[in-house]
Amino acid sequence: MNHKKKRPAKIELDGERGELVIVWKGGGESRHALVELRQNCPCAMCRDQRAQGDVQEGELTLLEGEAATATAAARDFVNVGRYGIRIVWADGHDTGIYTFEALRERDEEVG
């Protein structure tokens, strides 16, 4: 696949539908449920909690401190280089980097 096809032309958060919407440069559109993205947060802490069995399937990763109440509501996203985004969740969690390659793969698994 051409690398440009893996890059987004446009990214937006659809709060009403609870989705991350990506329009790809090579054509096509992806819609990812925010709750699923949060449940599968790629940051080291969330991956470790899932690996240790601290999080049951279908649950949101619970954080400590100010972010103790995990939420799938997103406030914003930040571009990370040319390869991904960090989603800023409403509870303050923002360390997971969602690569465009991984988002494309999620889209292909569903489709």
Protein backbone atom coordinates (compact mmCIF):
# COMPACT_ATOMS: atom_id res chain seq x y z
CA MET A 1 0.00 0.00 0.00
CA ASN A 2 1.23 3.50 -0.83
CA HIS A 3 2.37 5.38 2.31
CA LYS A 4 0.26 8.42 1.35
CA LYS A 5 -2.84 6.21 1.46
CA LYS A 6 -2.03 5.48 5.10
CA ARG A 7 -2.08 9.18 6.00
CA PRO A 8 -5.23 11.09 6.81
CA ALA A 9 -6.48 14.03 4.80
CA LYS A 10 -8.80 15.00 7.66
CA ILE A 11 -9.36 13.89 11.26
CA GLU A 12 -12.23 14.93 13.50
CA LEU A 13 -13.91 13.92 16.73
CA ASP A 14 -17.64 13.36 16.40
CA GLY A 15 -18.75 13.81 20.01
CA GLU A 16 -22.42 13.24 19.22
CA ARG A 17 -21.73 9.79 17.81
CA GLY A 18 -18.74 9.07 20.03
CA GLU A 19 -16.42 8.44 17.09
CA LEU A 20 -13.05 9.39 15.70
CA VAL A 21 -13.54 10.01 11.98
CA ILE A 22 -10.63 9.81 9.54
CA VAL A 23 -10.79 10.63 5.84
CA TRP A 24 -7.77 9.01 4.18
CA LYS A 25 -5.65 10.67 1.47
CA GLY A 26 -5.88 7.59 -0.75
CA GLY A 27 -9.66 7.55 -0.42
CA GLY A 28 -12.03 6.07 2.07
CA GLU A 29 -13.22 6.96 5.52
CA SER A 30 -12.74 5.27 8.88
CA ARG A 31 -15.01 5.60 11.90
CA HIS A 32 -13.68 4.34 15.22
CA ALA A 33 -15.82 4.19 18.36
CA LEU A 34 -14.12 6.23 21.07
CA VAL A 35 -15.08 3.68 23.73
CA GLU A 36 -13.20 0.96 21.80
CA LEU A 37 -10.17 3.19 21.31
CA ARG A 38 -10.11 3.95 25.03
CA GLN A 39 -10.54 0.28 25.98
CA ASN A 40 -7.52 -0.49 23.80
CA CYS A 41 -5.37 2.50 24.74
CA PRO A 42 -1.86 1.78 23.45
CA CYS A 43 0.06 3.54 26.25
CA ALA A 44 2.43 1.45 28.37
CA MET A 45 0.36 1.77 31.56
CA CYS A 46 -2.89 0.63 29.94
CA ARG A 47 -1.17 -2.21 28.03
CA ASP A 48 0.42 -3.41 31.29
CA GLN A 49 -2.92 -3.32 33.12
CA ARG A 50 -4.55 -5.36 30.34
CA ALA A 51 -1.64 -7.84 30.30
CA GLN A 52 -1.84 -8.31 34.08
CA GLY A 53 -5.58 -8.90 33.90
CA ASP A 54 -6.34 -5.76 35.90
CA VAL A 55 -8.88 -4.77 33.27
CA GLN A 56 -11.69 -7.05 32.15
CA GLU A 57 -12.59 -7.15 28.47
CA GLY A 58 -14.99 -4.36 27.62
CA GLU A 59 -13.98 -2.18 30.57
CA LEU A 60 -12.21 1.14 30.37
CA THR A 61 -8.74 1.28 31.85
CA LEU A 62 -8.98 2.88 35.27
CA LEU A 63 -6.26 5.34 36.14
CA GLU A 64 -4.97 6.67 39.43
CA GLY A 65 -4.98 10.15 40.90
CA GLU A 66 -6.93 12.89 39.16
CA ALA A 67 -7.80 10.60 36.27
CA ALA A 68 -9.40 7.94 38.49
CA THR A 69 -12.63 7.88 36.52
CA ALA A 70 -11.85 6.64 33.03
CA THR A 71 -14.05 7.97 30.28
CA ALA A 72 -14.44 7.45 26.56
CA ALA A 73 -15.28 11.12 26.05
CA ALA A 74 -12.52 12.88 24.14
CA ARG A 75 -11.70 16.59 24.40
CA ASP A 76 -9.21 16.80 21.53
CA PHE A 77 -6.41 15.08 19.69
CA VAL A 78 -2.82 16.07 18.97
CA ASN A 79 -0.81 15.04 15.91
CA VAL A 80 2.31 13.01 16.67
CA GLY A 81 4.74 13.49 13.81
CA ARG A 82 3.44 12.11 10.53
CA TYR A 83 2.53 8.72 11.97
CA GLY A 84 -0.24 9.10 14.53
CA ILE A 85 -2.27 11.03 17.07
CA ARG A 86 -2.65 11.26 20.84
CA ILE A 87 -6.24 11.50 22.01
CA VAL A 88 -6.81 13.83 24.95
CA TRP A 89 -9.51 12.09 26.97
CA ALA A 90 -11.90 14.10 29.13
CA ASP A 91 -10.39 12.56 32.29
CA GLY A 92 -6.94 13.90 31.38
CA HIS A 93 -5.38 10.67 30.09
CA ASP A 94 -3.39 11.45 26.94
CA THR A 95 -0.30 9.25 26.74
CA GLY A 96 -1.45 6.66 24.19
CA ILE A 97 -0.26 7.15 20.62
CA TYR A 98 -2.67 5.77 18.04
CA THR A 99 -0.63 5.21 14.89
CA PHE A 100 -2.29 5.70 11.53
CA GLU A 101 -1.09 2.22 10.55
CA ALA A 102 -2.85 0.67 13.57
CA LEU A 103 -6.03 2.68 12.92
CA ARG A 104 -5.99 1.51 9.29
CA GLU A 105 -5.55 -2.10 10.46
CA ARG A 106 -8.49 -1.77 12.89
CA ASP A 107 -10.56 -0.50 9.98
CA GLU A 108 -9.58 -3.49 7.82
CA GLU A 109 -10.40 -5.95 10.64
CA VAL A 110 -13.93 -4.57 10.89
CA GLY A 111 -14.49 -4.29 7.14
